[in-house]
Amino acid sequence: MGKAMRLYWGYIAVGALIVAWTQQWALPVIAALSVAVSAYAAFRVPVWCGAVNRDGKTYCRNNAYGLLMGCGNRQHRWQKLKMIVLRSKVGDVSRAVFPTARDKFNGFLAVGGLLSAIAAVIVPVVTG
């Protein structure tokens, strides 16, 4: 039970974030949960590596943590982050970062968490 909780705590945070928005919890709590969900999806969710292999045609299938991080291979660790920054590699980002439906769902969680954090900061400003 402990290992599963350590690996998948972000999904519990997603559920808590949904409850927080529907029950209108305090906005700092919503912002904290939103940042936690985004950070979990970007850096801790168990996924395949997805970095481009040396042949340039296939993608690494080793286990990794986080949509933006690679596996234990030294060359793969920061390859996804570099692809996002370098203009020549932007076209490969979607295939490398989101190779499976599960990874696309986790990407949706990361973006949703970021949007939720932004909304939690903007709502008090707009409503006064």
N, C-alpha and C. Protein backbone atom coordinates (compact mmCIF):
# COMPACT_ATOMS: atom_id res chain seq x y z
N MET A 1 0.82 -1.20 0.00
CA MET A 1 0.00 0.00 0.00
C MET A 1 0.86 1.26 0.00
N GLY A 2 1.99 1.24 0.70
CA GLY A 2 2.84 2.41 0.80
C GLY A 2 3.46 2.80 -0.53
N LYS A 3 3.92 1.80 -1.32
CA LYS A 3 4.54 2.10 -2.60
C LYS A 3 3.51 2.66 -3.58
N ALA A 4 2.33 2.08 -3.60
CA ALA A 4 1.28 2.57 -4.49
C ALA A 4 0.90 4.00 -4.12
N MET A 5 0.84 4.29 -2.84
CA MET A 5 0.50 5.65 -2.40
C MET A 5 1.60 6.62 -2.81
N ARG A 6 2.85 6.19 -2.71
CA ARG A 6 3.97 7.04 -3.07
C ARG A 6 4.00 7.31 -4.57
N LEU A 7 3.60 6.33 -5.38
CA LEU A 7 3.62 6.49 -6.83
C LEU A 7 2.43 7.27 -7.37
N TYR A 8 1.27 7.11 -6.76
CA TYR A 8 0.04 7.64 -7.35
C TYR A 8 -0.67 8.68 -6.48
N TRP A 9 0.04 9.37 -5.60
CA TRP A 9 -0.58 10.36 -4.72
C TRP A 9 -1.17 11.52 -5.52
N GLY A 10 -0.67 11.76 -6.70
CA GLY A 10 -1.16 12.87 -7.51
C GLY A 10 -2.61 12.71 -7.93
N TYR A 11 -3.03 11.46 -8.13
CA TYR A 11 -4.43 11.23 -8.51
C TYR A 11 -5.37 11.54 -7.34
N ILE A 12 -4.90 11.32 -6.12
CA ILE A 12 -5.68 11.70 -4.95
C ILE A 12 -5.76 13.23 -4.88
N ALA A 13 -4.65 13.89 -5.22
CA ALA A 13 -4.66 15.36 -5.25
C ALA A 13 -5.61 15.89 -6.31
N VAL A 14 -5.72 15.19 -7.45
CA VAL A 14 -6.67 15.58 -8.50
C VAL A 14 -8.10 15.49 -7.95
N GLY A 15 -8.41 14.40 -7.27
CA GLY A 15 -9.74 14.25 -6.67
C GLY A 15 -10.01 15.34 -5.64
N ALA A 16 -9.01 15.63 -4.82
CA ALA A 16 -9.17 16.69 -3.82
C ALA A 16 -9.34 18.05 -4.48
N LEU A 17 -8.66 18.27 -5.60
CA LEU A 17 -8.79 19.54 -6.32
C LEU A 17 -10.20 19.70 -6.89
N ILE A 18 -10.74 18.62 -7.43
CA ILE A 18 -12.11 18.67 -7.95
C ILE A 18 -13.09 18.98 -6.83
N VAL A 19 -12.92 18.30 -5.69
CA VAL A 19 -13.78 18.56 -4.54
C VAL A 19 -13.60 20.00 -4.06
N ALA A 20 -12.36 20.48 -4.05
CA ALA A 20 -12.09 21.84 -3.58
C ALA A 20 -12.81 22.88 -4.44
N TRP A 21 -12.80 22.69 -5.75
CA TRP A 21 -13.51 23.65 -6.61
C TRP A 21 -15.02 23.54 -6.45
N THR A 22 -15.55 22.32 -6.35
CA THR A 22 -17.01 22.17 -6.25
C THR A 22 -17.54 22.61 -4.89
N GLN A 23 -16.75 22.42 -3.83
CA GLN A 23 -17.19 22.81 -2.49
C GLN A 23 -16.75 24.23 -2.12
N GLN A 24 -16.07 24.92 -3.04
CA GLN A 24 -15.60 26.29 -2.86
C GLN A 24 -14.74 26.45 -1.61
N TRP A 25 -13.67 25.62 -1.56
CA TRP A 25 -12.70 25.74 -0.47
C TRP A 25 -11.95 27.05 -0.62
N ALA A 26 -11.12 27.36 0.35
CA ALA A 26 -10.31 28.58 0.31
C ALA A 26 -9.38 28.55 -0.91
N LEU A 27 -9.22 29.69 -1.55
CA LEU A 27 -8.42 29.76 -2.77
C LEU A 27 -6.94 29.40 -2.57
N PRO A 28 -6.32 29.70 -1.42
CA PRO A 28 -4.94 29.23 -1.24
C PRO A 28 -4.83 27.70 -1.24
N VAL A 29 -5.84 27.03 -0.71
CA VAL A 29 -5.85 25.56 -0.73
C VAL A 29 -5.98 25.07 -2.17
N ILE A 30 -6.85 25.70 -2.93
CA ILE A 30 -7.04 25.33 -4.34
C ILE A 30 -5.75 25.57 -5.12
N ALA A 31 -5.10 26.69 -4.87
CA ALA A 31 -3.84 26.99 -5.57
C ALA A 31 -2.77 25.97 -5.21
N ALA A 32 -2.68 25.60 -3.94
CA ALA A 32 -1.67 24.61 -3.52
C ALA A 32 -1.94 23.25 -4.16
N LEU A 33 -3.21 22.83 -4.16
CA LEU A 33 -3.55 21.56 -4.80
C LEU A 33 -3.28 21.61 -6.30
N SER A 34 -3.55 22.73 -6.93
CA SER A 34 -3.30 22.87 -8.37
C SER A 34 -1.82 22.74 -8.69
N VAL A 35 -0.99 23.40 -7.91
CA VAL A 35 0.46 23.30 -8.12
C VAL A 35 0.94 21.88 -7.86
N ALA A 36 0.39 21.22 -6.85
CA ALA A 36 0.77 19.84 -6.56
C ALA A 36 0.42 18.91 -7.72
N VAL A 37 -0.76 19.08 -8.29
CA VAL A 37 -1.18 18.24 -9.42
C VAL A 37 -0.28 18.47 -10.62
N SER A 38 0.02 19.71 -10.92
CA SER A 38 0.89 20.02 -12.06
C SER A 38 2.29 19.48 -11.85
N ALA A 39 2.83 19.65 -10.67
CA ALA A 39 4.17 19.15 -10.37
C ALA A 39 4.22 17.64 -10.43
N TYR A 40 3.18 16.97 -9.92
CA TYR A 40 3.12 15.52 -9.97
C TYR A 40 3.13 15.03 -11.42
N ALA A 41 2.29 15.62 -12.25
CA ALA A 41 2.21 15.18 -13.64
C ALA A 41 3.50 15.48 -14.40
N ALA A 42 4.13 16.58 -14.12
CA ALA A 42 5.34 16.96 -14.85
C ALA A 42 6.57 16.19 -14.38
N PHE A 43 6.66 15.87 -13.07
CA PHE A 43 7.91 15.33 -12.56
C PHE A 43 7.82 14.02 -11.79
N ARG A 44 6.64 13.50 -11.45
CA ARG A 44 6.56 12.30 -10.62
C ARG A 44 5.69 11.17 -11.16
N VAL A 45 4.79 11.40 -12.07
CA VAL A 45 3.89 10.35 -12.54
C VAL A 45 4.70 9.26 -13.25
N PRO A 46 4.44 7.97 -12.97
CA PRO A 46 5.17 6.89 -13.64
C PRO A 46 4.74 6.79 -15.11
N VAL A 47 5.71 6.92 -16.02
CA VAL A 47 5.45 6.85 -17.47
C VAL A 47 6.61 6.15 -18.15
N TRP A 48 6.47 5.93 -19.46
CA TRP A 48 7.60 5.50 -20.26
C TRP A 48 8.47 6.70 -20.55
N CYS A 49 9.74 6.46 -20.80
CA CYS A 49 10.68 7.55 -21.04
C CYS A 49 10.29 8.37 -22.27
N GLY A 50 10.20 7.76 -23.42
CA GLY A 50 9.78 8.44 -24.64
C GLY A 50 10.86 9.25 -25.32
N ALA A 51 12.10 9.22 -24.83
CA ALA A 51 13.18 9.96 -25.47
C ALA A 51 13.55 9.27 -26.79
N VAL A 52 14.03 10.04 -27.74
CA VAL A 52 14.40 9.51 -29.04
C VAL A 52 15.67 8.67 -28.89
N ASN A 53 15.63 7.45 -29.43
CA ASN A 53 16.80 6.57 -29.39
C ASN A 53 17.84 7.03 -30.40
N ARG A 54 19.01 6.40 -30.37
CA ARG A 54 20.10 6.80 -31.25
C ARG A 54 19.80 6.64 -32.73
N ASP A 55 18.90 5.72 -33.08
CA ASP A 55 18.56 5.55 -34.50
C ASP A 55 17.70 6.70 -35.02
N GLY A 56 17.15 7.51 -34.13
CA GLY A 56 16.35 8.67 -34.51
C GLY A 56 14.93 8.36 -34.93
N LYS A 57 14.55 7.08 -34.91
CA LYS A 57 13.22 6.69 -35.37
C LYS A 57 12.36 6.10 -34.28
N THR A 58 12.97 5.50 -33.28
CA THR A 58 12.21 4.85 -32.23
C THR A 58 12.36 5.63 -30.92
N TYR A 59 11.47 5.31 -29.98
CA TYR A 59 11.46 6.01 -28.70
C TYR A 59 11.74 5.02 -27.58
N CYS A 60 12.40 5.50 -26.54
CA CYS A 60 12.78 4.68 -25.39
C CYS A 60 11.53 4.24 -24.62
N ARG A 61 11.51 2.97 -24.23
CA ARG A 61 10.37 2.44 -23.48
C ARG A 61 10.73 2.11 -22.04
N ASN A 62 11.84 2.64 -21.55
CA ASN A 62 12.20 2.43 -20.15
C ASN A 62 11.25 3.21 -19.25
N ASN A 63 11.15 2.76 -18.00
CA ASN A 63 10.30 3.47 -17.05
C ASN A 63 10.96 4.79 -16.65
N ALA A 64 10.12 5.80 -16.47
CA ALA A 64 10.59 7.13 -16.06
C ALA A 64 9.55 7.72 -15.12
N TYR A 65 9.90 8.85 -14.53
CA TYR A 65 8.98 9.55 -13.64
C TYR A 65 8.78 10.96 -14.16
N GLY A 66 7.54 11.30 -14.46
CA GLY A 66 7.19 12.64 -14.93
C GLY A 66 7.18 12.76 -16.43
N LEU A 67 6.23 13.54 -16.95
CA LEU A 67 6.12 13.72 -18.39
C LEU A 67 7.31 14.46 -18.98
N LEU A 68 7.97 15.28 -18.19
CA LEU A 68 9.06 16.09 -18.70
C LEU A 68 10.44 15.49 -18.48
N MET A 69 10.52 14.38 -17.77
CA MET A 69 11.82 13.81 -17.45
C MET A 69 12.01 12.48 -18.18
N GLY A 70 13.26 12.10 -18.40
CA GLY A 70 13.58 10.84 -19.06
C GLY A 70 13.89 9.75 -18.05
N CYS A 71 14.37 8.62 -18.57
CA CYS A 71 14.70 7.47 -17.72
C CYS A 71 16.08 7.65 -17.09
N GLY A 72 16.65 6.57 -16.61
CA GLY A 72 17.95 6.61 -15.95
C GLY A 72 19.13 6.77 -16.90
N ASN A 73 18.91 6.61 -18.20
CA ASN A 73 20.01 6.82 -19.14
C ASN A 73 20.42 8.28 -19.12
N ARG A 74 21.70 8.53 -19.01
CA ARG A 74 22.19 9.91 -18.88
C ARG A 74 21.75 10.79 -20.05
N GLN A 75 21.76 10.25 -21.26
CA GLN A 75 21.39 11.04 -22.43
C GLN A 75 19.90 11.37 -22.45
N HIS A 76 19.09 10.54 -21.81
CA HIS A 76 17.63 10.71 -21.87
C HIS A 76 17.09 11.63 -20.78
N ARG A 77 17.88 11.88 -19.73
CA ARG A 77 17.36 12.60 -18.56
C ARG A 77 16.74 13.94 -18.90
N TRP A 78 17.43 14.73 -19.71
CA TRP A 78 16.94 16.07 -20.00
C TRP A 78 16.53 16.25 -21.45
N GLN A 79 16.47 15.15 -22.20
CA GLN A 79 16.18 15.26 -23.63
C GLN A 79 14.80 15.85 -23.91
N LYS A 80 13.79 15.47 -23.14
CA LYS A 80 12.44 16.00 -23.38
C LYS A 80 12.38 17.50 -23.09
N LEU A 81 13.02 17.93 -22.01
CA LEU A 81 13.04 19.36 -21.71
C LEU A 81 13.77 20.14 -22.80
N LYS A 82 14.84 19.57 -23.32
CA LYS A 82 15.58 20.23 -24.40
C LYS A 82 14.72 20.34 -25.65
N MET A 83 13.91 19.31 -25.94
CA MET A 83 13.05 19.34 -27.12
C MET A 83 12.02 20.47 -27.03
N ILE A 84 11.56 20.76 -25.83
CA ILE A 84 10.59 21.83 -25.67
C ILE A 84 11.23 23.19 -25.94
N VAL A 85 12.48 23.35 -25.55
CA VAL A 85 13.17 24.63 -25.67
C VAL A 85 13.70 24.87 -27.08
N LEU A 86 14.28 23.84 -27.69
CA LEU A 86 14.89 24.00 -29.02
C LEU A 86 13.83 24.02 -30.10
N ARG A 87 13.87 25.01 -30.96
CA ARG A 87 12.85 25.16 -32.01
C ARG A 87 12.87 24.01 -33.00
N SER A 88 14.01 23.48 -33.32
CA SER A 88 14.09 22.42 -34.33
C SER A 88 13.46 21.12 -33.84
N LYS A 89 13.25 20.99 -32.55
CA LYS A 89 12.72 19.76 -31.99
C LYS A 89 11.26 19.87 -31.55
N VAL A 90 10.62 20.99 -31.75
CA VAL A 90 9.25 21.19 -31.26
C VAL A 90 8.29 20.17 -31.87
N GLY A 91 8.49 19.80 -33.12
CA GLY A 91 7.60 18.84 -33.77
C GLY A 91 7.65 17.46 -33.14
N ASP A 92 8.76 17.11 -32.51
CA ASP A 92 8.91 15.79 -31.89
C ASP A 92 8.36 15.74 -30.47
N VAL A 93 8.01 16.88 -29.91
CA VAL A 93 7.60 16.93 -28.51
C VAL A 93 6.36 16.08 -28.26
N SER A 94 5.35 16.20 -29.09
CA SER A 94 4.11 15.47 -28.83
C SER A 94 4.32 13.97 -28.89
N ARG A 95 5.15 13.49 -29.79
CA ARG A 95 5.41 12.05 -29.86
C ARG A 95 6.28 11.57 -28.72
N ALA A 96 7.20 12.40 -28.26
CA ALA A 96 8.10 11.99 -27.19
C ALA A 96 7.46 12.13 -25.82
N VAL A 97 6.73 13.21 -25.60
CA VAL A 97 6.15 13.45 -24.28
C VAL A 97 4.85 12.68 -24.10
N PHE A 98 4.08 12.49 -25.16
CA PHE A 98 2.78 11.83 -25.06
C PHE A 98 2.69 10.60 -25.97
N PRO A 99 3.51 9.57 -25.76
CA PRO A 99 3.46 8.41 -26.65
C PRO A 99 2.22 7.53 -26.48
N THR A 100 1.58 7.54 -25.32
CA THR A 100 0.42 6.69 -25.09
C THR A 100 -0.76 7.52 -24.62
N ALA A 101 -1.93 6.91 -24.61
CA ALA A 101 -3.14 7.60 -24.15
C ALA A 101 -3.02 7.98 -22.67
N ARG A 102 -2.41 7.13 -21.88
CA ARG A 102 -2.22 7.43 -20.46
C ARG A 102 -1.36 8.68 -20.28
N ASP A 103 -0.33 8.81 -21.10
CA ASP A 103 0.53 9.99 -21.03
C ASP A 103 -0.21 11.24 -21.48
N LYS A 104 -1.09 11.10 -22.46
CA LYS A 104 -1.90 12.24 -22.88
C LYS A 104 -2.83 12.68 -21.75
N PHE A 105 -3.40 11.72 -21.03
CA PHE A 105 -4.26 12.03 -19.89
C PHE A 105 -3.47 12.75 -18.81
N ASN A 106 -2.26 12.27 -18.52
CA ASN A 106 -1.42 12.94 -17.52
C ASN A 106 -1.02 14.33 -17.97
N GLY A 107 -0.81 14.53 -19.26
CA GLY A 107 -0.55 15.87 -19.78
C GLY A 107 -1.75 16.78 -19.59
N PHE A 108 -2.93 16.23 -19.80
CA PHE A 108 -4.16 16.98 -19.55
C PHE A 108 -4.26 17.38 -18.08
N LEU A 109 -3.87 16.47 -17.17
CA LEU A 109 -3.87 16.80 -15.75
C LEU A 109 -2.89 17.93 -15.44
N ALA A 110 -1.71 17.88 -16.06
CA ALA A 110 -0.72 18.93 -15.81
C ALA A 110 -1.22 20.29 -16.27
N VAL A 111 -1.79 20.35 -17.46
CA VAL A 111 -2.31 21.61 -17.98
C VAL A 111 -3.52 22.06 -17.16
N GLY A 112 -4.38 21.12 -16.80
CA GLY A 112 -5.54 21.45 -15.97
C GLY A 112 -5.13 21.99 -14.61
N GLY A 113 -4.09 21.40 -14.03
CA GLY A 113 -3.60 21.90 -12.75
C GLY A 113 -3.05 23.31 -12.86
N LEU A 114 -2.32 23.58 -13.95
CA LEU A 114 -1.79 24.93 -14.16
C LEU A 114 -2.92 25.94 -14.35
N LEU A 115 -3.92 25.58 -15.15
CA LEU A 115 -5.05 26.48 -15.36
C LEU A 115 -5.81 26.71 -14.07
N SER A 116 -5.94 25.68 -13.26
CA SER A 116 -6.61 25.80 -11.98
C SER A 116 -5.84 26.74 -11.05
N ALA A 117 -4.52 26.62 -11.05
CA ALA A 117 -3.70 27.51 -10.22
C ALA A 117 -3.84 28.97 -10.67
N ILE A 118 -3.83 29.17 -11.97
CA ILE A 118 -4.01 30.52 -12.50
C ILE A 118 -5.38 31.07 -12.12
N ALA A 119 -6.41 30.24 -12.26
CA ALA A 119 -7.77 30.67 -11.90
C ALA A 119 -7.87 30.98 -10.42
N ALA A 120 -7.19 30.19 -9.57
CA ALA A 120 -7.25 30.43 -8.13
C ALA A 120 -6.59 31.74 -7.75
N VAL A 121 -5.64 32.18 -8.55
CA VAL A 121 -4.98 33.47 -8.28
C VAL A 121 -5.80 34.63 -8.87
N ILE A 122 -6.40 34.43 -10.03
CA ILE A 122 -7.12 35.50 -10.72
C ILE A 122 -8.51 35.74 -10.12
N VAL A 123 -9.20 34.71 -9.67
CA VAL A 123 -10.56 34.85 -9.15
C VAL A 123 -10.63 35.89 -8.02
N PRO A 124 -9.75 35.87 -7.02
CA PRO A 124 -9.85 36.89 -5.98
C PRO A 124 -9.59 38.30 -6.50
N VAL A 125 -8.75 38.42 -7.49
CA VAL A 125 -8.45 39.74 -8.05
C VAL A 125 -9.66 40.29 -8.78
N VAL A 126 -10.34 39.44 -9.54
CA VAL A 126 -11.50 39.88 -10.33
C VAL A 126 -12.71 40.14 -9.44
N THR A 127 -12.95 39.24 -8.49
CA THR A 127 -14.14 39.37 -7.66
C THR A 127 -13.97 40.35 -6.51
N GLY A 128 -12.74 40.72 -6.25
CA GLY A 128 -12.49 41.72 -5.19
C GLY A 128 -12.35 41.10 -3.89
